[in-house]
Amino acid sequence: MGSPSEPLLPVEPDRPPRLKLWISTGAAALLLLGVALYWGLRRADPAPGETSGSGPVEPAAPPATTTDPTRKPSGTPRPESADERQARELYEAAEAFERAEPADLEKRMARWRDVVTRHPTSSWAMKADEKHRAAAATLESMLNREFEGTRRDAQSLAAAGHFVDAIEALETYRSTQARELLKRRADVEIRALENASRLAYNEAASKTRELASKGDFAGGVPLFESVAPGAIAEVKARCQRAITQLKAAEEERDRYQVMKKGDDARRAFRDEAAPKILGLVRARLYDAALKEMSTAAAAPANAAIRDEIIAERASVVDASAFWEAFLKALRSRLGQETSLLLSDGTRVVGRISRVQEDKVVVEHGETTEAMLDRLHPDLMVGWTLGRTLPAEEGLTYVKTALFFFCEGRDDLARLYLSTARELNGPADAAEKIFRGGFLRAAAAAKK
């Protein structure tokens, strides 16, 4: 123990070990570094939504800070721009009008649209657009309800085929409307009904084409007749043209069928009946020939050529009339001395004692028979014309010409037809038979 007279010194604390000292110093440095990094990162953080999708972005160096005496503290709101202020004023005016006039949807829409078109980049434009859309939807629904009754009535008329009445109803409705939207709706519906009328015509035309392909032209006429009364003017005119065309086609088809039937009947008559009739007239069996022709004219199969057969029969009647007139002249000479000229140039002289069906009997010391078909044409004409048939009438020469036509003497037939024309006789019908009748065809086939 030291001497009490010596002064006492403070006792120094035990020094910590050197390792603890280094650890404490490092921890403090790390703490300071962490605080500095925290504040640095806070200032370099990007605004929300700007972070890259590819990963974290390296913090940029903080900009150099400069002192701006006009800059307000960050907590103070930014001043409103002129465009925003004008947009807000228009929007507020539109809101006020909406509260004052809630039923006037079109004017409300116009005011909201004015905000959008005049200030499209403002924050008020989006709000105004939403208001405009809502008003438009309300107006659309209201117009639908208002127009639906008229549209339904027009559609009912159109469904019954009364397109003109339906369009007139819509036009009347349109003329009473002040709203342009309703007028436009009426116009759209009118155009739709016009197209529906055209479609009705197209459907009728399609069905008619199918019928016509089967030869039924008449079947398409009622289809167009049912469409035409209520159709628009354009479609009605088309229907009338179609009906006219169908009737013309039907008539043409009927004419063709009649002509075809006529050709078939004409061919059959020419090939089958005409040669037989020609044989009868050449044998001067006129009654039998006329009977055959009457029977042929009455046959149903010859209905298409009935008039032609009757006309040819009339020519045979004229030929037989000449023959009967000659026989009358021949009989008038019974008991008289006469000289008969034959077709070979010879003569039979004597008294006519009998006239039979096919010959004449002459007696001159001995009995001589002269066949009637061997008598010379000059004899027959000379004994007939001016005696039993009047020589000054054109019809006499028509009969004479047709007789020689039936005889196969075309040269004489042509001669006497010419004489008949000079006397204004009815030579046209005889000329037709002479040149193109059934007997002419049969004679040509016989050759």
Protein backbone atom coordinates (compact mmCIF):
# COMPACT_ATOMS: atom_id res chain seq x y z
CA MET A 1 0.00 0.00 0.00
CA GLY A 2 1.49 3.35 -1.03
CA SER A 3 2.26 6.28 1.19
CA PRO A 4 -0.84 8.39 2.03
CA SER A 5 1.07 11.55 1.25
CA GLU A 6 1.19 10.77 -2.51
CA PRO A 7 -1.67 12.27 -4.73
CA LEU A 8 -4.22 9.83 -6.13
CA LEU A 9 -4.52 9.56 -10.09
CA PRO A 10 -7.75 8.50 -11.98
CA VAL A 11 -7.94 4.93 -12.80
CA GLU A 12 -8.00 4.26 -16.64
CA PRO A 13 -10.64 1.82 -17.82
CA ASP A 14 -9.70 -1.39 -19.39
CA ARG A 15 -9.26 -0.96 -23.17
CA PRO A 16 -11.44 -3.23 -25.32
CA PRO A 17 -9.78 -5.74 -27.39
CA ARG A 18 -8.62 -4.53 -30.85
CA LEU A 19 -11.03 -6.92 -32.73
CA LYS A 20 -14.10 -5.44 -31.10
CA LEU A 21 -12.90 -1.97 -32.03
CA TRP A 22 -12.69 -2.82 -35.73
CA ILE A 23 -16.11 -4.47 -35.75
CA SER A 24 -17.76 -1.45 -34.16
CA THR A 25 -16.10 0.92 -36.61
CA GLY A 26 -17.25 -1.19 -39.64
CA ALA A 27 -20.83 -1.40 -38.43
CA ALA A 28 -21.06 2.34 -38.09
CA ALA A 29 -19.66 2.84 -41.59
CA LEU A 30 -22.16 0.38 -43.06
CA LEU A 31 -25.02 2.12 -41.32
CA LEU A 32 -24.03 5.47 -42.78
CA LEU A 33 -23.63 3.93 -46.25
CA GLY A 34 -27.10 2.35 -46.02
CA VAL A 35 -28.70 5.66 -45.12
CA ALA A 36 -26.96 7.38 -48.05
CA LEU A 37 -28.08 4.66 -50.51
CA TYR A 38 -31.65 4.83 -49.24
CA TRP A 39 -32.00 8.53 -49.91
CA GLY A 40 -30.22 8.20 -53.22
CA LEU A 41 -32.58 5.49 -54.41
CA ARG A 42 -35.64 7.43 -53.28
CA ARG A 43 -34.68 10.34 -55.49
CA ALA A 44 -33.84 8.14 -58.49
CA ASP A 45 -37.03 5.96 -58.37
CA PRO A 46 -39.13 6.22 -61.69
CA ALA A 47 -42.75 7.30 -61.65
CA PRO A 48 -45.37 4.55 -61.28
CA GLY A 49 -45.94 2.63 -64.52
CA GLU A 50 -42.52 3.57 -65.96
CA THR A 51 -40.59 0.54 -64.68
CA SER A 52 -39.19 -1.48 -67.61
CA GLY A 53 -40.59 -4.93 -68.03
CA SER A 54 -37.11 -6.29 -68.72
CA GLY A 55 -35.84 -5.75 -65.15
CA PRO A 56 -34.78 -3.05 -62.68
CA VAL A 57 -33.32 0.09 -64.13
CA GLU A 58 -30.01 1.40 -62.90
CA PRO A 59 -30.57 4.58 -60.86
CA ALA A 60 -29.62 7.66 -62.81
CA ALA A 61 -27.35 10.25 -61.35
CA PRO A 62 -29.34 12.96 -59.63
CA PRO A 63 -29.57 16.14 -61.69
CA ALA A 64 -27.64 19.08 -60.61
CA THR A 65 -29.74 21.15 -58.29
CA THR A 66 -30.27 24.73 -59.24
CA THR A 67 -32.13 27.32 -57.39
CA ASP A 68 -35.36 28.60 -59.23
CA PRO A 69 -36.75 31.56 -57.39
CA THR A 70 -40.17 31.29 -59.26
CA ARG A 71 -40.71 27.60 -58.41
CA LYS A 72 -43.35 26.93 -55.80
CA PRO A 73 -42.99 24.23 -53.17
CA SER A 74 -43.96 20.71 -54.37
CA GLY A 75 -47.14 20.59 -52.25
CA THR A 76 -48.75 23.55 -54.13
CA PRO A 77 -51.29 22.53 -57.01
CA ARG A 78 -50.34 23.42 -60.58
CA PRO A 79 -52.25 26.32 -62.13
CA GLU A 80 -55.20 25.44 -64.59
CA SER A 81 -54.34 25.91 -68.30
CA ALA A 82 -56.49 28.05 -70.57
CA ASP A 83 -57.67 24.96 -72.57
CA GLU A 84 -58.65 23.14 -69.38
CA ARG A 85 -60.49 26.18 -68.08
CA GLN A 86 -62.46 26.62 -71.30
CA ALA A 87 -63.24 22.90 -71.43
CA ARG A 88 -64.43 22.97 -67.83
CA GLU A 89 -66.65 25.98 -68.50
CA LEU A 90 -68.23 24.27 -71.55
CA TYR A 91 -68.72 21.07 -69.57
CA GLU A 92 -70.34 22.92 -66.66
CA ALA A 93 -72.61 24.79 -69.09
CA ALA A 94 -73.62 21.48 -70.66
CA GLU A 95 -74.36 20.06 -67.22
CA ALA A 96 -76.49 23.07 -66.41
CA PHE A 97 -78.45 22.67 -69.67
CA GLU A 98 -78.93 18.97 -68.92
CA ARG A 99 -80.45 19.80 -65.54
CA ALA A 100 -82.64 22.52 -67.06
CA GLU A 101 -83.76 20.61 -70.22
CA PRO A 102 -83.51 16.87 -69.49
CA ALA A 103 -85.95 15.93 -72.29
CA ASP A 104 -84.10 17.72 -75.09
CA LEU A 105 -81.66 14.92 -75.84
CA GLU A 106 -80.47 16.19 -79.18
CA LYS A 107 -79.40 19.59 -77.84
CA ARG A 108 -77.78 17.92 -74.85
CA MET A 109 -75.82 15.68 -77.19
CA ALA A 110 -74.77 18.69 -79.24
CA ARG A 111 -73.36 20.42 -76.12
CA TRP A 112 -71.43 17.34 -74.98
CA ARG A 113 -70.14 16.89 -78.51
CA ASP A 114 -69.02 20.53 -78.51
CA VAL A 115 -66.78 19.87 -75.50
CA VAL A 116 -65.19 16.86 -77.21
CA THR A 117 -64.60 18.54 -80.56
CA ARG A 118 -63.35 21.88 -79.24
CA HIS A 119 -61.11 20.54 -76.46
CA PRO A 120 -60.29 16.95 -77.40
CA THR A 121 -57.06 16.78 -75.30
CA SER A 122 -58.58 18.10 -72.12
CA SER A 123 -59.52 15.96 -69.15
CA TRP A 124 -63.12 17.13 -69.60
CA ALA A 125 -63.40 15.68 -73.10
CA MET A 126 -63.52 12.10 -71.81
CA LYS A 127 -66.26 12.94 -69.34
CA ALA A 128 -68.23 14.78 -72.03
CA ASP A 129 -67.87 11.81 -74.40
CA GLU A 130 -69.33 9.48 -71.78
CA LYS A 131 -72.25 11.87 -71.32
CA HIS A 132 -72.73 12.08 -75.09
CA ARG A 133 -72.80 8.29 -75.42
CA ALA A 134 -75.34 7.92 -72.65
CA ALA A 135 -77.62 10.56 -74.19
CA ALA A 136 -77.28 8.94 -77.62
CA ALA A 137 -78.29 5.55 -76.21
CA THR A 138 -81.32 7.10 -74.52
CA LEU A 139 -82.32 8.88 -77.72
CA GLU A 140 -81.88 5.70 -79.74
CA SER A 141 -84.14 3.79 -77.39
CA MET A 142 -86.75 6.53 -77.43
CA LEU A 143 -86.78 6.78 -81.24
CA ASN A 144 -87.05 3.01 -81.51
CA ARG A 145 -90.15 3.04 -79.37
CA GLU A 146 -91.65 5.98 -81.27
CA PHE A 147 -90.97 4.57 -84.76
CA GLU A 148 -91.73 0.92 -84.01
CA GLY A 149 -95.51 1.18 -84.42
CA THR A 150 -95.29 2.84 -87.82
CA ARG A 151 -92.60 0.42 -88.98
CA ARG A 152 -94.65 -2.58 -87.83
CA ASP A 153 -97.75 -1.38 -89.72
CA ALA A 154 -95.70 -0.82 -92.88
CA GLN A 155 -94.14 -4.27 -92.58
CA SER A 156 -97.60 -5.85 -92.24
CA LEU A 157 -98.74 -4.16 -95.46
CA ALA A 158 -95.58 -5.24 -97.25
CA ALA A 159 -96.00 -8.83 -96.06
CA ALA A 160 -99.41 -8.85 -97.77
CA GLY A 161 -97.81 -7.58 -100.98
CA HIS A 162 -99.06 -3.98 -100.61
CA PHE A 163 -95.67 -2.32 -100.97
CA VAL A 164 -97.04 0.93 -102.40
CA ASP A 165 -99.46 1.36 -99.51
CA ALA A 166 -96.67 0.63 -97.01
CA ILE A 167 -94.37 3.22 -98.60
CA GLU A 168 -97.15 5.82 -98.73
CA ALA A 169 -97.79 5.27 -95.00
CA LEU A 170 -94.10 5.86 -94.24
CA GLU A 171 -93.99 8.94 -96.46
CA THR A 172 -97.00 10.36 -94.65
CA TYR A 173 -95.31 9.68 -91.31
CA ARG A 174 -92.10 11.29 -92.53
CA SER A 175 -93.88 14.46 -93.61
CA THR A 176 -95.24 14.96 -90.09
CA GLN A 177 -91.90 14.58 -88.31
CA ALA A 178 -89.65 17.43 -87.14
CA ARG A 179 -86.80 15.21 -86.01
CA GLU A 180 -84.28 14.59 -88.76
CA LEU A 181 -83.38 11.25 -87.19
CA LEU A 182 -86.94 9.98 -87.57
CA LYS A 183 -87.07 11.29 -91.14
CA ARG A 184 -83.90 9.40 -91.91
CA ARG A 185 -85.30 6.27 -90.29
CA ALA A 186 -88.39 6.55 -92.50
CA ASP A 187 -86.18 6.97 -95.56
CA VAL A 188 -84.17 3.86 -94.67
CA GLU A 189 -87.35 1.84 -94.19
CA ILE A 190 -88.77 3.11 -97.49
CA ARG A 191 -85.65 2.00 -99.34
CA ALA A 192 -85.88 -1.38 -97.61
CA LEU A 193 -89.50 -1.80 -98.76
CA GLU A 194 -88.57 -0.83 -102.32
CA ASN A 195 -85.92 -3.53 -102.29
CA ALA A 196 -88.45 -5.97 -100.84
CA SER A 197 -90.77 -5.23 -103.76
CA ARG A 198 -87.91 -5.92 -106.18
CA LEU A 199 -87.17 -9.13 -104.33
CA ALA A 200 -90.80 -10.25 -104.74
CA TYR A 201 -90.41 -9.73 -108.48
CA ASN A 202 -87.16 -11.71 -108.51
CA GLU A 203 -88.82 -14.61 -106.71
CA ALA A 204 -91.70 -14.63 -109.21
CA ALA A 205 -89.20 -14.47 -112.09
CA SER A 206 -87.24 -17.40 -110.66
CA LYS A 207 -90.36 -19.56 -110.39
CA THR A 208 -91.45 -18.51 -113.87
CA ARG A 209 -88.11 -19.52 -115.37
CA GLU A 210 -88.52 -22.96 -113.84
CA LEU A 211 -92.04 -23.27 -115.30
CA ALA A 212 -90.93 -21.96 -118.69
CA SER A 213 -88.13 -24.53 -118.84
CA LYS A 214 -90.90 -27.15 -118.76
CA GLY A 215 -92.87 -25.35 -121.48
CA ASP A 216 -95.45 -23.89 -119.09
CA PHE A 217 -95.41 -20.21 -120.07
CA ALA A 218 -98.98 -19.56 -118.97
CA GLY A 219 -98.17 -20.73 -115.43
CA GLY A 220 -95.90 -17.73 -114.85
CA VAL A 221 -98.57 -15.15 -115.73
CA PRO A 222 -100.52 -15.45 -112.42
CA LEU A 223 -97.27 -15.09 -110.47
CA PHE A 224 -96.55 -11.68 -111.99
CA GLU A 225 -100.22 -10.70 -111.85
CA SER A 226 -100.18 -11.29 -108.08
CA VAL A 227 -97.04 -9.16 -107.62
CA ALA A 228 -97.96 -6.23 -109.89
CA PRO A 229 -100.95 -4.61 -108.07
CA GLY A 230 -99.08 -3.68 -104.88
CA ALA A 231 -95.63 -3.26 -106.40
CA ILE A 232 -93.67 -0.04 -106.81
CA ALA A 233 -93.88 1.60 -110.26
CA GLU A 234 -90.57 0.15 -111.44
CA VAL A 235 -91.54 -3.41 -110.49
CA LYS A 236 -95.09 -3.03 -111.83
CA ALA A 237 -93.69 -2.07 -115.25
CA ARG A 238 -91.39 -5.09 -115.18
CA CYS A 239 -94.31 -7.35 -114.31
CA GLN A 240 -96.35 -6.04 -117.23
CA ARG A 241 -93.44 -6.60 -119.62
CA ALA A 242 -92.96 -10.12 -118.27
CA ILE A 243 -96.67 -10.93 -118.66
CA THR A 244 -96.62 -9.65 -122.25
CA GLN A 245 -93.53 -11.71 -123.03
CA LEU A 246 -95.02 -14.84 -121.46
CA LYS A 247 -98.24 -14.51 -123.43
CA ALA A 248 -96.28 -13.97 -126.63
CA ALA A 249 -94.15 -17.02 -125.85
CA GLU A 250 -97.29 -19.05 -125.16
CA GLU A 251 -98.82 -17.99 -128.48
CA GLU A 252 -95.60 -18.74 -130.30
CA ARG A 253 -95.40 -22.15 -128.65
CA ASP A 254 -99.02 -22.85 -129.65
CA ARG A 255 -98.34 -21.76 -133.20
CA TYR A 256 -95.31 -24.00 -133.32
CA GLN A 257 -97.27 -26.95 -131.97
CA VAL A 258 -100.07 -26.34 -134.46
CA MET A 259 -97.54 -26.03 -137.25
CA LYS A 260 -95.81 -29.21 -136.15
CA LYS A 261 -99.10 -31.05 -135.93
CA GLY A 262 -99.99 -29.60 -139.32
CA ASP A 263 -96.70 -30.74 -140.81
CA ASP A 264 -97.20 -34.23 -139.42
CA ALA A 265 -100.81 -34.41 -140.61
CA ARG A 266 -99.91 -32.88 -143.97
CA ARG A 267 -97.15 -35.42 -144.49
CA ALA A 268 -99.45 -38.31 -143.57
CA PHE A 269 -102.25 -37.07 -145.85
CA ARG A 270 -99.85 -36.46 -148.72
CA ASP A 271 -98.26 -39.88 -148.39
CA GLU A 272 -101.37 -41.94 -147.70
CA ALA A 273 -104.63 -40.31 -148.85
CA ALA A 274 -103.54 -38.03 -151.71
CA PRO A 275 -102.25 -40.79 -154.04
CA LYS A 276 -105.57 -42.63 -153.74
CA ILE A 277 -107.56 -39.46 -154.41
CA LEU A 278 -105.35 -38.62 -157.37
CA GLY A 279 -106.06 -42.05 -158.84
CA LEU A 280 -109.80 -41.46 -158.50
CA VAL A 281 -109.77 -38.05 -160.19
CA ARG A 282 -107.53 -39.34 -162.97
CA ALA A 283 -110.17 -42.03 -163.54
CA ARG A 284 -112.80 -39.25 -163.44
CA LEU A 285 -114.46 -40.91 -160.46
CA TYR A 286 -115.10 -37.55 -158.87
CA ASP A 287 -117.86 -38.62 -156.49
CA ALA A 288 -115.60 -41.22 -154.90
CA ALA A 289 -112.73 -38.74 -154.70
CA LEU A 290 -114.93 -36.10 -153.06
CA LYS A 291 -116.17 -38.64 -150.53
CA GLU A 292 -112.60 -39.57 -149.59
CA MET A 293 -111.71 -35.93 -149.12
CA SER A 294 -114.77 -35.22 -146.97
CA THR A 295 -113.90 -38.15 -144.73
CA ALA A 296 -110.29 -36.95 -144.42
CA ALA A 297 -111.36 -33.39 -143.57
CA ALA A 298 -113.57 -34.66 -140.72
CA ALA A 299 -110.84 -36.84 -139.19
CA PRO A 300 -109.48 -35.51 -135.84
CA ALA A 301 -105.94 -36.32 -136.93
CA ASN A 302 -106.34 -33.84 -139.79
CA ALA A 303 -107.77 -31.00 -137.71
CA ALA A 304 -104.68 -28.86 -138.35
CA ILE A 305 -105.01 -29.19 -142.14
CA ARG A 306 -108.80 -29.33 -142.39
CA ASP A 307 -108.99 -26.00 -144.26
CA GLU A 308 -106.34 -27.14 -146.74
CA ILE A 309 -108.22 -30.36 -147.48
CA ILE A 310 -111.47 -28.42 -147.93
CA ALA A 311 -109.76 -25.99 -150.33
CA GLU A 312 -108.39 -28.89 -152.39
CA ARG A 313 -111.79 -30.56 -152.37
CA ALA A 314 -113.27 -27.36 -153.83
CA SER A 315 -110.80 -27.60 -156.71
CA VAL A 316 -111.94 -31.17 -157.39
CA VAL A 317 -115.56 -29.95 -157.32
CA ASP A 318 -114.66 -27.38 -160.01
CA ALA A 319 -112.94 -30.05 -162.09
CA SER A 320 -115.96 -32.36 -161.80
CA ALA A 321 -118.23 -29.44 -162.78
CA PHE A 322 -116.39 -29.11 -166.08
CA TRP A 323 -116.68 -32.86 -166.66
CA GLU A 324 -120.39 -32.88 -165.90
CA ALA A 325 -120.86 -29.94 -168.26
CA PHE A 326 -119.06 -31.87 -171.02
CA LEU A 327 -121.14 -35.02 -170.41
CA LYS A 328 -124.27 -32.90 -170.63
CA ALA A 329 -123.12 -31.55 -173.97
CA LEU A 330 -122.29 -35.09 -175.15
CA ARG A 331 -125.70 -36.46 -174.15
CA SER A 332 -127.38 -33.61 -175.92
CA ARG A 333 -126.04 -35.13 -179.19
CA LEU A 334 -127.63 -38.56 -178.71
CA GLY A 335 -129.06 -39.79 -182.03
CA GLN A 336 -127.13 -37.22 -184.01
CA GLU A 337 -124.46 -37.79 -186.58
CA THR A 338 -121.15 -36.55 -185.22
CA SER A 339 -117.42 -36.86 -185.56
CA LEU A 340 -115.49 -37.63 -182.35
CA LEU A 341 -111.83 -36.51 -182.32
CA LEU A 342 -109.64 -38.83 -180.29
CA SER A 343 -106.44 -37.98 -178.46
CA ASP A 344 -104.31 -39.79 -181.07
CA GLY A 345 -105.70 -37.58 -183.84
CA THR A 346 -108.09 -40.18 -185.32
CA ARG A 347 -111.83 -39.68 -185.59
CA VAL A 348 -114.89 -41.82 -184.97
CA VAL A 349 -117.76 -40.83 -187.24
CA GLY A 350 -121.37 -41.93 -186.85
CA ARG A 351 -124.54 -41.55 -184.85
CA ILE A 352 -124.22 -41.45 -181.07
CA SER A 353 -126.47 -44.16 -179.74
CA ARG A 354 -125.44 -44.38 -176.08
CA VAL A 355 -123.34 -42.50 -173.55
CA GLN A 356 -122.15 -44.80 -170.79
CA GLU A 357 -120.04 -44.20 -167.69
CA ASP A 358 -116.70 -44.66 -169.42
CA LYS A 359 -117.50 -44.69 -173.16
CA VAL A 360 -119.66 -43.43 -175.94
CA VAL A 361 -121.21 -45.82 -178.53
CA VAL A 362 -121.28 -44.67 -182.14
CA GLU A 363 -123.07 -46.54 -184.94
CA HIS A 364 -122.12 -46.15 -188.56
CA GLY A 365 -123.03 -49.37 -190.31
CA GLU A 366 -121.25 -51.05 -187.45
CA THR A 367 -121.05 -50.28 -183.74
CA THR A 368 -117.94 -48.47 -182.54
CA GLU A 369 -117.05 -47.69 -178.95
CA ALA A 370 -114.94 -44.64 -178.11
CA MET A 371 -113.51 -44.55 -174.58
CA LEU A 372 -114.18 -41.27 -172.86
CA ASP A 373 -110.61 -41.02 -171.56
CA ARG A 374 -109.38 -41.08 -175.17
CA LEU A 375 -111.40 -38.06 -176.34
CA HIS A 376 -109.31 -35.12 -177.46
CA PRO A 377 -109.17 -32.05 -175.13
CA ASP A 378 -110.10 -29.74 -177.99
CA LEU A 379 -113.30 -31.72 -178.49
CA MET A 380 -114.26 -31.49 -174.84
CA VAL A 381 -113.53 -27.76 -174.62
CA GLY A 382 -115.22 -26.99 -177.90
CA TRP A 383 -118.42 -28.87 -176.99
CA THR A 384 -118.53 -27.32 -173.44
CA LEU A 385 -117.45 -23.67 -173.49
CA GLY A 386 -120.18 -21.45 -174.81
CA ARG A 387 -122.69 -24.27 -174.73
CA THR A 388 -123.08 -25.83 -171.28
CA LEU A 389 -120.68 -23.35 -169.58
CA PRO A 390 -120.71 -19.61 -170.31
CA ALA A 391 -117.66 -18.65 -172.35
CA GLU A 392 -117.52 -15.06 -171.03
CA GLU A 393 -117.14 -15.96 -167.31
CA GLY A 394 -113.76 -16.28 -165.66
CA LEU A 395 -115.02 -19.10 -163.45
CA THR A 396 -115.60 -21.25 -166.54
CA TYR A 397 -111.89 -21.15 -167.31
CA VAL A 398 -110.98 -21.88 -163.69
CA LYS A 399 -113.08 -25.06 -163.89
CA THR A 400 -111.51 -25.96 -167.20
CA ALA A 401 -107.99 -25.40 -165.87
CA LEU A 402 -108.63 -27.56 -162.79
CA PHE A 403 -110.12 -30.34 -164.89
CA PHE A 404 -106.99 -30.51 -167.01
CA PHE A 405 -104.83 -30.26 -163.87
CA CYS A 406 -106.55 -33.40 -162.55
CA GLU A 407 -106.01 -34.96 -165.94
CA GLY A 408 -102.28 -34.33 -165.68
CA ARG A 409 -102.26 -31.78 -168.48
CA ASP A 410 -100.35 -28.96 -166.81
CA ASP A 411 -99.85 -27.16 -170.11
CA LEU A 412 -103.60 -26.77 -170.65
CA ALA A 413 -104.22 -26.01 -166.97
CA ARG A 414 -101.71 -23.18 -167.13
CA LEU A 415 -103.26 -21.84 -170.33
CA TYR A 416 -106.81 -21.71 -168.99
CA LEU A 417 -105.71 -20.23 -165.64
CA SER A 418 -104.14 -17.40 -167.59
CA THR A 419 -107.39 -16.87 -169.46
CA ALA A 420 -109.29 -16.89 -166.16
CA ARG A 421 -107.06 -14.11 -164.82
CA GLU A 422 -107.65 -12.06 -167.94
CA LEU A 423 -111.38 -12.31 -167.25
CA ASN A 424 -110.89 -11.49 -163.53
CA GLY A 425 -111.90 -14.98 -162.50
CA PRO A 426 -111.13 -16.46 -159.05
CA ALA A 427 -107.81 -17.90 -160.12
CA ASP A 428 -105.73 -17.41 -156.93
CA ALA A 429 -107.10 -20.42 -155.03
CA ALA A 430 -106.88 -22.57 -158.17
CA GLU A 431 -103.29 -21.39 -158.73
CA LYS A 432 -102.36 -22.39 -155.20
CA ILE A 433 -103.77 -25.89 -155.64
CA PHE A 434 -102.20 -26.19 -159.05
CA ARG A 435 -98.74 -25.31 -157.77
CA GLY A 436 -98.59 -26.72 -154.25
CA GLY A 437 -101.63 -28.79 -153.32
CA PHE A 438 -101.82 -32.36 -152.13
CA LEU A 439 -102.63 -33.68 -155.60
CA ARG A 440 -99.61 -31.87 -156.99
CA ALA A 441 -97.39 -33.56 -154.36
CA ALA A 442 -98.95 -36.93 -155.09
CA ALA A 443 -98.47 -36.47 -158.85
CA ALA A 444 -94.80 -35.50 -158.31
CA ALA A 445 -94.25 -38.56 -156.11
CA LYS A 446 -95.91 -40.79 -158.73
CA LYS A 447 -93.47 -39.66 -161.37
